[in-house]
Protein backbone atom coordinates (compact mmCIF):
# COMPACT_ATOMS: atom_id res chain seq x y z
CA UNK A 1 76.87 75.88 100.71
CA UNK A 2 75.48 79.46 100.94
CA UNK A 3 76.43 81.70 98.00
CA UNK A 4 77.96 85.13 98.49
CA UNK A 5 75.85 87.87 96.88
CA UNK A 6 77.44 90.55 94.71
CA UNK A 7 76.18 93.22 92.31
CA UNK A 8 77.92 95.11 89.49
CA UNK A 9 77.62 98.94 89.25
CA UNK A 10 75.05 100.26 86.75
CA UNK A 11 76.48 101.91 83.53
CA UNK A 12 76.24 105.69 83.17
CA UNK A 13 73.75 107.11 80.63
CA UNK A 14 74.50 110.32 78.58
CA UNK A 15 71.83 112.24 76.65
CA UNK A 16 72.77 114.99 74.11
CA UNK A 17 71.10 116.67 71.08
CA UNK A 18 73.12 114.85 68.42
CA UNK A 19 74.10 117.60 65.87
CA UNK A 20 74.83 120.49 68.20
CA UNK A 21 76.88 118.49 70.70
CA UNK A 22 78.43 115.86 68.45
CA UNK A 23 82.05 116.90 69.24
CA UNK A 24 81.31 116.81 72.94
CA UNK A 25 79.65 113.42 72.60
CA UNK A 26 82.57 111.98 70.71
CA UNK A 27 84.91 113.30 73.35
CA UNK A 28 82.92 111.74 76.12
CA UNK A 29 82.67 108.42 74.28
CA UNK A 30 86.39 108.46 73.71
CA UNK A 31 87.01 109.03 77.40
CA UNK A 32 84.62 106.19 78.21
CA UNK A 33 86.47 103.91 75.86
CA UNK A 34 89.76 104.69 77.52
CA UNK A 35 88.21 104.11 80.94
CA UNK A 36 86.72 100.77 79.90
CA UNK A 37 90.02 99.65 78.42
CA UNK A 38 91.79 100.55 81.62
CA UNK A 39 89.23 98.55 83.65
CA UNK A 40 89.63 95.60 81.35
CA UNK A 41 93.37 95.59 81.85
CA UNK A 42 93.05 95.98 85.58
CA UNK A 43 92.41 92.49 87.00
CA UNK A 44 90.80 93.64 90.23
CA UNK A 45 87.83 91.48 91.29
CA UNK A 46 84.31 92.92 91.21
CA UNK A 47 83.25 94.40 94.56
CA UNK A 48 81.13 92.12 96.73
CA UNK A 49 79.29 92.65 99.96
CA UNK A 50 80.84 90.13 102.29
CA UNK A 51 78.15 90.79 104.84
CA UNK A 52 75.37 89.38 102.65
CA UNK A 53 74.92 85.63 102.30
CA UNK A 54 72.44 84.22 99.81
CA UNK A 55 70.84 80.77 99.81
CA UNK A 56 69.60 78.46 97.08
CA UNK A 57 66.05 77.11 97.08
CA UNK A 58 65.37 73.43 96.42
CA UNK A 59 62.25 71.76 95.02
CA UNK A 60 63.15 68.50 96.76
CA UNK A 61 60.28 66.73 98.51
CA UNK A 62 61.05 65.74 102.09
CA UNK A 63 59.18 65.13 105.37
CA UNK A 64 58.40 67.95 107.76
CA UNK A 65 56.33 67.92 110.96
CA UNK A 66 52.71 69.08 111.29
CA UNK A 67 51.96 69.37 107.57
CA UNK A 68 51.31 67.47 104.36
CA UNK A 69 49.49 64.29 103.40
CA UNK A 70 47.94 62.23 106.16
CA UNK A 71 46.96 58.57 106.35
CA UNK A 72 43.57 57.73 107.83
CA UNK A 73 43.31 54.67 110.08
CA UNK A 74 40.11 53.32 111.64
CA UNK A 75 39.83 51.67 115.05
CA UNK A 76 36.77 49.77 116.27
CA UNK A 77 36.11 47.27 119.06
CA UNK A 78 36.71 44.34 116.70
CA UNK A 79 40.24 43.69 117.98
CA UNK A 80 41.20 45.58 121.09
CA UNK A 81 44.77 44.32 120.93
CA UNK A 82 45.30 45.86 117.50
CA UNK A 83 47.03 49.21 117.45
CA UNK A 84 49.34 51.15 115.20
CA UNK A 85 52.24 49.00 114.02
CA UNK A 86 55.48 49.93 115.73
CA UNK A 87 57.59 52.21 113.54
CA UNK A 88 54.77 52.47 110.96
CA UNK A 89 55.01 56.24 111.18
CA UNK A 90 58.74 56.22 110.49
CA UNK A 91 58.28 53.94 107.47
CA UNK A 92 55.60 56.24 106.02
CA UNK A 93 57.95 59.18 106.50
CA UNK A 94 60.45 57.54 104.16
CA UNK A 95 57.87 56.80 101.44
CA UNK A 96 57.31 58.97 98.35
CA UNK A 97 54.63 61.06 100.08
CA UNK A 98 56.78 61.58 103.21
CA UNK A 99 53.82 61.20 105.57
CA UNK A 100 54.25 62.61 109.08
CA UNK A 101 50.54 62.92 109.90
CA UNK A 102 47.76 60.44 110.63
CA UNK A 103 44.02 60.74 111.06
CA UNK A 104 42.98 58.21 113.70
CA UNK A 105 39.24 57.63 113.61
CA UNK A 106 37.97 55.83 116.72
CA UNK A 107 34.52 54.27 116.34
CA UNK A 108 32.73 53.75 119.65
CA UNK A 109 29.92 51.75 118.02
CA UNK A 110 29.71 49.10 120.73
CA UNK A 111 29.82 51.61 123.59
CA UNK A 112 26.85 53.85 122.80
CA UNK A 113 25.18 52.96 126.09
CA UNK A 114 28.15 52.12 128.30
CA UNK A 115 31.62 53.26 129.29
CA UNK A 116 34.53 52.90 126.91
CA UNK A 117 36.40 49.82 128.19
CA UNK A 118 39.96 50.20 129.44
CA UNK A 119 41.25 47.95 126.65
CA UNK A 120 40.02 50.47 124.07
CA UNK A 121 41.64 53.34 125.94
CA UNK A 122 44.86 51.34 126.25
CA UNK A 123 44.93 51.02 122.48
CA UNK A 124 44.51 54.80 122.17
CA UNK A 125 47.53 55.26 124.42
CA UNK A 126 49.59 52.64 122.56
CA UNK A 127 48.90 54.46 119.29
CA UNK A 128 50.06 57.75 120.78
CA UNK A 129 53.30 56.21 121.98
CA UNK A 130 53.94 54.66 118.57
CA UNK A 131 53.38 58.00 116.84
CA UNK A 132 56.00 59.56 119.11
CA UNK A 133 58.48 56.77 118.42
CA UNK A 134 57.99 57.12 114.68
CA UNK A 135 58.24 60.91 114.46
CA UNK A 136 54.60 61.54 113.52
CA UNK A 137 51.58 63.45 114.81
CA UNK A 138 47.86 62.80 114.67
CA UNK A 139 44.50 64.38 113.94
CA UNK A 140 41.95 62.69 116.21
CA UNK A 141 38.26 61.99 115.66
CA UNK A 142 35.78 60.03 117.76
CA UNK A 143 32.38 58.94 116.46
CA UNK A 144 29.90 56.05 116.58
CA UNK A 145 28.80 55.04 113.07
CA UNK A 146 30.29 55.02 109.56
CA UNK A 147 27.12 54.34 107.55
CA UNK A 148 24.22 56.74 107.12
CA UNK A 149 21.58 54.17 106.04
CA UNK A 150 18.37 54.36 108.11
CA UNK A 151 18.79 50.72 109.07
CA UNK A 152 22.06 51.66 110.78
CA UNK A 153 20.38 54.11 113.15
CA UNK A 154 20.80 55.33 115.80
CA UNK A 155 23.77 57.12 114.30
CA UNK A 156 25.19 58.48 117.53
CA UNK A 157 24.87 58.21 121.30
CA UNK A 158 22.67 60.35 123.53
CA UNK A 159 24.16 63.63 124.79
CA UNK A 160 24.59 62.07 128.25
CA UNK A 161 26.78 59.24 126.95
CA UNK A 162 28.69 61.57 124.62
CA UNK A 163 29.71 63.74 127.55
CA UNK A 164 30.66 60.69 129.59
CA UNK A 165 32.91 59.45 126.76
CA UNK A 166 34.55 62.87 126.43
CA UNK A 167 35.41 62.73 130.13
CA UNK A 168 37.00 59.31 129.61
CA UNK A 169 39.31 60.36 126.76
CA UNK A 170 40.27 63.75 128.22
CA UNK A 171 43.21 62.46 130.35
CA UNK A 172 44.77 60.80 127.30
CA UNK A 173 44.45 63.97 125.22
CA UNK A 174 46.30 65.94 127.88
CA UNK A 175 48.95 63.29 128.43
CA UNK A 176 49.76 63.01 124.72
CA UNK A 177 49.21 66.61 123.61
CA UNK A 178 52.75 66.71 122.20
CA UNK A 179 51.83 64.37 119.30
CA UNK A 180 48.37 65.83 118.61
CA UNK A 181 48.08 68.22 115.67
CA UNK A 182 44.43 69.03 116.36
CA UNK A 183 41.20 67.24 117.33
CA UNK A 184 38.11 67.18 115.15
CA UNK A 185 35.09 67.74 117.36
CA UNK A 186 33.38 64.55 116.17
CA UNK A 187 30.95 62.50 118.30
CA UNK A 188 27.82 63.94 116.64
CA UNK A 189 26.45 62.18 113.56
CA UNK A 190 27.78 59.59 111.13
CA UNK A 191 31.58 59.80 110.80
CA UNK A 192 31.45 62.49 113.49
CA UNK A 193 30.67 65.08 110.80
CA UNK A 194 27.63 66.61 112.58
CA UNK A 195 24.99 65.87 109.94
CA UNK A 196 23.33 62.43 109.99
CA UNK A 197 22.44 62.48 113.67
CA UNK A 198 19.82 60.72 115.78
CA UNK A 199 20.12 62.78 118.97
CA UNK A 200 21.26 66.31 118.00
CA UNK A 201 18.62 67.44 115.46
CA UNK A 202 19.80 66.90 111.90
CA UNK A 203 18.77 70.31 110.55
CA UNK A 204 18.90 72.77 113.46
CA UNK A 205 17.35 76.21 112.95
CA UNK A 206 16.54 77.84 116.28
CA UNK A 207 19.16 78.74 118.85
CA UNK A 208 17.76 76.07 121.15
CA UNK A 209 18.33 73.46 118.41
CA UNK A 210 22.04 74.26 118.40
CA UNK A 211 22.60 74.36 122.13
CA UNK A 212 23.27 70.60 122.62
CA UNK A 213 25.94 70.84 119.90
CA UNK A 214 27.61 73.82 121.59
CA UNK A 215 27.68 71.91 124.87
CA UNK A 216 29.62 69.10 123.15
CA UNK A 217 31.94 71.64 121.48
CA UNK A 218 32.69 73.41 124.76
CA UNK A 219 33.22 70.10 126.55
CA UNK A 220 35.73 69.13 123.86
CA UNK A 221 37.50 72.48 124.18
CA UNK A 222 37.92 71.69 127.89
CA UNK A 223 39.03 68.10 127.22
CA UNK A 224 41.65 69.13 124.64
CA UNK A 225 44.74 70.97 125.99
CA UNK A 226 44.43 74.72 125.51
CA UNK A 227 47.39 74.84 123.12
CA UNK A 228 45.53 72.59 120.67
CA UNK A 229 42.60 73.43 118.40
CA UNK A 230 39.23 71.72 117.89
CA UNK A 231 37.87 71.50 114.34
CA UNK A 232 34.28 71.97 113.15
CA UNK A 233 32.98 70.66 109.84
CA UNK A 234 31.72 73.94 108.33
CA UNK A 235 32.36 77.66 108.78
CA UNK A 236 28.65 78.20 109.46
CA UNK A 237 28.98 76.25 112.72
CA UNK A 238 31.73 78.48 114.06
CA UNK A 239 29.95 81.64 112.92
CA UNK A 240 26.69 80.58 114.59
CA UNK A 241 28.50 79.58 117.78
CA UNK A 242 30.32 82.91 118.03
CA UNK A 243 27.10 84.79 117.39
CA UNK A 244 25.14 82.85 120.03
CA UNK A 245 27.91 83.34 122.60
CA UNK A 246 28.01 87.06 121.97
CA UNK A 247 31.48 86.97 120.41
CA UNK A 248 30.50 88.32 117.00
CA UNK A 249 30.53 86.18 113.85
CA UNK A 250 33.76 87.72 112.62
CA UNK A 251 36.97 85.89 111.70
CA UNK A 252 40.05 85.98 113.91
CA UNK A 253 42.40 88.92 113.77
CA UNK A 254 46.14 88.78 114.35
CA UNK A 255 45.60 90.27 117.82
CA UNK A 256 43.09 87.54 118.73
CA UNK A 257 45.08 84.62 117.29
CA UNK A 258 46.95 82.02 119.36
CA UNK A 259 45.14 82.92 122.58
CA UNK A 260 43.58 80.25 124.86
CA UNK A 261 40.07 81.47 123.95
CA UNK A 262 37.31 79.42 122.37
CA UNK A 263 37.26 81.74 119.37
CA UNK A 264 40.97 81.29 118.70
CA UNK A 265 40.90 77.53 119.32
CA UNK A 266 38.09 76.55 116.91
CA UNK A 267 39.44 75.55 113.50
CA UNK A 268 37.86 73.77 110.52
CA UNK A 269 37.92 70.63 108.40
CA UNK A 270 36.48 70.27 104.92
CA UNK A 271 35.80 66.65 103.98
CA UNK A 272 34.39 67.38 100.52
CA UNK A 273 37.12 69.66 99.19
CA UNK A 274 36.70 70.75 95.51
CA UNK A 275 33.91 68.17 95.22
CA UNK A 276 31.08 70.47 93.99
CA UNK A 277 30.36 74.18 93.60
CA UNK A 278 29.84 74.48 97.38
CA UNK A 279 31.96 71.48 98.44
CA UNK A 280 28.81 69.40 98.99
CA UNK A 281 27.19 71.74 101.50
CA UNK A 282 30.37 72.91 103.23
CA UNK A 283 29.57 76.49 102.21
CA UNK A 284 26.21 78.27 102.26
CA UNK A 285 27.39 81.31 100.36
CA UNK A 286 29.91 84.12 100.05
CA UNK A 287 29.92 85.17 103.71
CA UNK A 288 31.07 81.87 105.15
CA UNK A 289 33.65 81.47 102.38
CA UNK A 290 35.11 84.86 103.29
CA UNK A 291 34.99 83.92 106.97
CA UNK A 292 37.07 80.76 106.49
CA UNK A 293 39.51 82.53 104.17
CA UNK A 294 40.37 85.00 106.94
CA UNK A 295 39.96 82.73 109.96
CA UNK A 296 42.22 80.03 108.50
CA UNK A 297 45.18 82.39 108.51
CA UNK A 298 45.48 81.50 112.20
CA UNK A 299 43.67 78.15 112.46
CA UNK A 300 44.08 74.70 110.94
CA UNK A 301 42.36 73.82 107.69
CA UNK A 302 42.47 70.28 106.35
CA UNK A 303 40.35 67.33 105.30
CA UNK A 304 39.79 65.30 102.15
CA UNK A 305 38.08 65.25 98.77
CA UNK A 306 34.91 63.16 98.46
CA UNK A 307 34.04 62.96 94.76
CA UNK A 308 35.58 63.92 91.44
CA UNK A 309 33.81 66.69 89.52
CA UNK A 310 34.46 69.67 87.25
CA UNK A 311 35.92 71.60 90.20
CA UNK A 312 38.43 68.91 91.15
CA UNK A 313 41.27 69.82 88.78
CA UNK A 314 44.63 70.57 90.32
CA UNK A 315 44.79 74.22 89.25
CA UNK A 316 41.53 74.98 91.07
CA UNK A 317 42.58 72.88 94.07
CA UNK A 318 45.85 74.83 94.42
CA UNK A 319 43.98 78.12 94.20
CA UNK A 320 41.52 77.01 96.87
CA UNK A 321 44.32 75.77 99.13
CA UNK A 322 45.95 79.18 98.88
CA UNK A 323 42.70 80.95 99.76
CA UNK A 324 41.85 78.68 102.70
CA UNK A 325 45.39 78.03 103.96
CA UNK A 326 45.40 74.24 103.83
CA UNK A 327 47.76 72.35 106.16
CA UNK A 328 46.85 68.68 105.65
CA UNK A 329 44.95 66.44 103.22
CA UNK A 330 44.00 62.76 103.17
CA UNK A 331 46.49 60.95 100.94
CA UNK A 332 44.07 58.16 100.03
CA UNK A 333 40.69 59.79 99.48
CA UNK A 334 39.14 60.44 97.07
CA UNK A 335 41.19 58.17 94.71
CA UNK A 336 39.86 59.51 91.40
CA UNK A 337 40.66 63.10 92.33
CA UNK A 338 44.14 62.22 93.57
CA UNK A 339 44.76 60.26 90.36
CA UNK A 340 43.73 63.32 88.34
CA UNK A 341 46.28 65.47 90.15
CA UNK A 342 49.01 62.94 89.41
CA UNK A 343 48.06 62.87 85.72
CA UNK A 344 48.03 66.68 85.53
CA UNK A 345 51.35 66.98 87.33
CA UNK A 346 49.99 69.06 90.23
CA UNK A 347 50.27 66.36 92.92
CA UNK A 348 53.88 67.21 93.81
CA UNK A 349 53.21 70.95 94.10
CA UNK A 350 50.30 70.27 96.43
CA UNK A 351 52.47 67.92 98.48
CA UNK A 352 55.27 70.46 98.75
CA UNK A 353 53.07 73.45 99.61
CA UNK A 354 50.61 71.93 102.07
CA UNK A 355 51.12 73.85 105.31
CA UNK A 356 54.22 76.04 105.66
CA UNK A 357 57.21 75.97 103.29
CA UNK A 358 60.08 78.11 104.56
CA UNK A 359 62.76 79.14 102.07
CA UNK A 360 65.83 81.17 103.09
CA UNK A 361 66.70 83.93 100.62
CA UNK A 362 69.52 85.93 102.17
CA UNK A 363 71.09 86.98 105.43
CA UNK A 364 72.61 90.40 106.13
CA UNK A 365 75.28 90.21 108.82
CA UNK A 366 75.14 93.26 111.06
CA UNK A 367 78.12 92.22 113.20
CA UNK A 368 81.29 92.05 111.11
CA UNK A 369 83.53 90.60 113.79
CA UNK A 370 81.71 89.05 116.77
CA UNK A 371 83.52 88.98 120.08
CA UNK A 372 83.09 86.61 123.02
CA UNK A 373 80.69 88.28 125.46
CA UNK A 374 79.47 90.66 122.74
CA UNK A 375 76.53 90.54 120.35
CA UNK A 376 76.03 88.80 117.02
CA UNK A 377 73.19 90.23 114.95
CA UNK A 378 71.81 89.63 111.47
CA UNK A 379 68.69 90.19 109.38
CA UNK A 380 67.36 87.01 107.78
CA UNK A 381 65.06 87.19 104.75
CA UNK A 382 62.86 84.16 104.24
CA UNK A 383 59.82 83.33 102.13
CA UNK A 384 56.91 81.12 103.14
CA UNK A 385 55.88 79.51 99.86
CA UNK A 386 53.39 77.18 101.50
CA UNK A 387 49.62 77.45 101.62
CA UNK A 388 49.54 78.18 105.35
CA UNK A 389 51.39 79.48 108.36
CA UNK A 390 52.33 77.45 111.39
CA UNK A 391 49.43 77.09 113.81
CA UNK A 392 50.76 75.21 116.82
CA UNK A 393 53.46 76.93 118.84
CA UNK A 394 57.02 76.42 117.59
CA UNK A 395 60.37 77.20 119.23
CA UNK A 396 62.89 79.37 117.37
CA UNK A 397 66.60 79.17 118.20
CA UNK A 398 69.96 80.22 116.83
CA UNK A 399 72.66 77.72 117.79
CA UNK A 400 76.43 78.25 117.70
CA UNK A 401 78.30 74.95 117.41
CA UNK A 402 82.05 74.84 117.93
CA UNK A 403 83.62 73.76 114.64
CA UNK A 404 86.28 71.81 116.54
CA UNK A 405 83.87 70.10 118.96
CA UNK A 406 80.25 69.44 117.95
CA UNK A 407 79.31 68.76 121.58
CA UNK A 408 80.26 72.33 122.49
CA UNK A 409 77.19 74.36 121.50
CA UNK A 410 75.36 77.47 122.64
CA UNK A 411 71.60 77.93 122.21
CA UNK A 412 70.06 81.40 121.85
CA UNK A 413 66.24 81.47 121.87
CA UNK A 414 64.83 84.15 119.58
CA UNK A 415 61.90 86.39 120.46
CA UNK A 416 59.99 86.28 117.15
CA UNK A 417 57.03 83.88 116.88
CA UNK A 418 57.37 81.72 113.71
CA UNK A 419 53.58 81.46 113.56
CA UNK A 420 53.55 85.03 112.26
CA UNK A 421 55.34 83.96 109.07
CA UNK A 422 52.28 83.94 106.84
CA UNK A 423 52.66 83.03 103.15
CA UNK A 424 54.95 85.65 101.61
CA UNK A 425 58.30 87.29 102.41
CA UNK A 426 59.54 88.14 105.90
CA UNK A 427 62.60 89.82 107.38
CA UNK A 428 63.56 88.30 110.72
CA UNK A 429 65.93 90.04 113.12
CA UNK A 430 68.40 87.64 114.75
CA UNK A 431 70.23 88.58 117.95
CA UNK A 432 72.56 86.56 120.18
CA UNK A 433 74.58 87.73 123.18
CA UNK A 434 77.66 85.50 123.12
CA UNK A 435 78.19 85.18 126.86
CA UNK A 436 80.29 82.28 128.22
CA UNK A 437 81.60 81.49 124.75
CA UNK A 438 85.31 81.01 124.18
CA UNK A 439 86.91 82.44 121.06
CA UNK A 440 87.02 80.17 118.05
CA UNK A 441 85.26 79.19 114.85
CA UNK A 442 81.55 78.33 115.06
CA UNK A 443 78.91 77.03 112.72
CA UNK A 444 75.72 79.06 113.11
CA UNK A 445 72.44 77.17 112.77
CA UNK A 446 68.74 78.04 112.73
CA UNK A 447 66.62 75.58 114.69
CA UNK A 448 62.81 75.33 114.71
CA UNK A 449 62.17 72.48 117.16
CA UNK A 450 58.95 71.33 118.79
CA UNK A 451 58.49 73.28 122.04
CA UNK A 452 57.44 70.20 124.04
CA UNK A 453 60.36 68.89 126.10
CA UNK A 454 59.50 65.32 125.03
CA UNK A 455 60.12 66.25 121.36
CA UNK A 456 62.44 69.27 121.48
CA UNK A 457 65.67 67.35 120.90
CA UNK A 458 64.21 64.88 118.40
CA UNK A 459 65.29 65.99 114.88
CA UNK A 460 62.24 64.25 113.38
CA UNK A 461 60.12 67.01 114.91
CA UNK A 462 62.31 69.94 113.78
CA UNK A 463 61.47 71.96 110.67
CA UNK A 464 63.68 71.56 107.63
CA UNK A 465 64.11 74.65 105.45
CA UNK A 466 63.67 74.26 101.70
CA UNK A 467 67.23 75.10 100.71
CA UNK A 468 70.21 73.18 99.44
CA UNK A 469 73.13 72.37 101.73
CA UNK A 470 71.62 73.63 104.99
CA UNK A 471 69.93 70.61 106.60
CA UNK A 472 71.69 68.54 109.25
CA UNK A 473 69.65 65.35 109.54
CA UNK A 474 71.40 64.22 112.71
CA UNK A 475 70.48 67.33 114.72
CA UNK A 476 67.53 68.85 112.89
CA UNK A 477 69.45 72.13 112.50
CA UNK A 478 69.67 74.37 109.39
CA UNK A 479 73.12 75.85 108.63
CA UNK A 480 73.25 79.62 108.12
CA UNK A 481 76.97 80.44 108.08
CA UNK A 482 80.31 79.98 109.82
CA UNK A 483 81.78 82.77 111.95
CA UNK A 484 84.97 83.36 113.85
CA UNK A 485 84.43 84.67 117.37
CA UNK A 486 87.33 86.67 118.78
């Protein structure tokens, strides 16, 4: 349960020239001794501030939505009846890595010159429904080939067919936006990573070389719901796009973030994390590193490692995840790097800190005795110890639940946006007008549910705070205190 905070008064300090004022000093010390003896005999309790509640942090590993390790699954045309196993997401949630995210890679290899068949699209929809049933979300990627050998060319479809395929998947992206974390732009090149390409110029230089890529990017931004982001493989791509569109190659600011603009909706993915000095071509130099460090404060950053090297140690990885605000990472690739982190003992810290990690520190009650119809107010101090802030919109509620009847509850939406809780400490003002509430004892909870109506009341999609004795698994609420309403 929450711990009541109290502080003892500081001792007085006396400074005297020793010889000249020795009698005075002895007199004062004698008085102090008498005073201390009197306090010792007086059994009054130390003063405490009953309006301050403190909370205890836990290092327990547990599942939370929209963050952490992800499992990558590949889907081809080989078996159109095959889709995600029912409840697979829920089972992964209970495992040691507490996986709540998947990367679904759809390979359209057999459809490079034709429409995607309905059976393939049906499987996409079945996977989305299974994710929802299991309490998970997904990062999506569509591409054509998974092998860069020349004999495997062409590596992607023509721009005409790419745009046709984007039109075909768009309705499914809108219908199932609630379980989408973000969408990697894909389509161009092997693995959808925009390099080994047959139809989009492998090493573009002139503005005209890039234009077909920007047309795909902008088509994807239209196909993906405006409250979801689209990821590019390197910071240089976003910088060049912004520059060519006259938006300035500068990272997002707090004022620009979370808007339905192309600039705010383009995020990144790094699929060679800590795998060389420049992450195997992910970075060209200092400028694009600085760009991603700032831009990723408000956009998703995730991906995977691709080879073990001198830069792959866990200490460096943690430092890089802090700089670039990492939210998700492939749990299975690259195996040698992940094994190194386990051997070093850094794997658990990475798991715990991927994405947000909200820890309650204390709550200052500003309303000593709440009354029905009146206000209840408090200042909540919390710390985000994760690598990143929330990116997708998140609801924020204070809920009063009648201690005598759990079905009798009152929900008070709060005005503050939890996405503003960047790594570090925050003071959050809580305010509830207790209209229509009868007098009685109430448990007061903090709730951070998914804002989509389809997920709002599902506790699997609510955020658990990293404190002891606050989480209610049945509701997805976090207990703050108990109050008596007059």
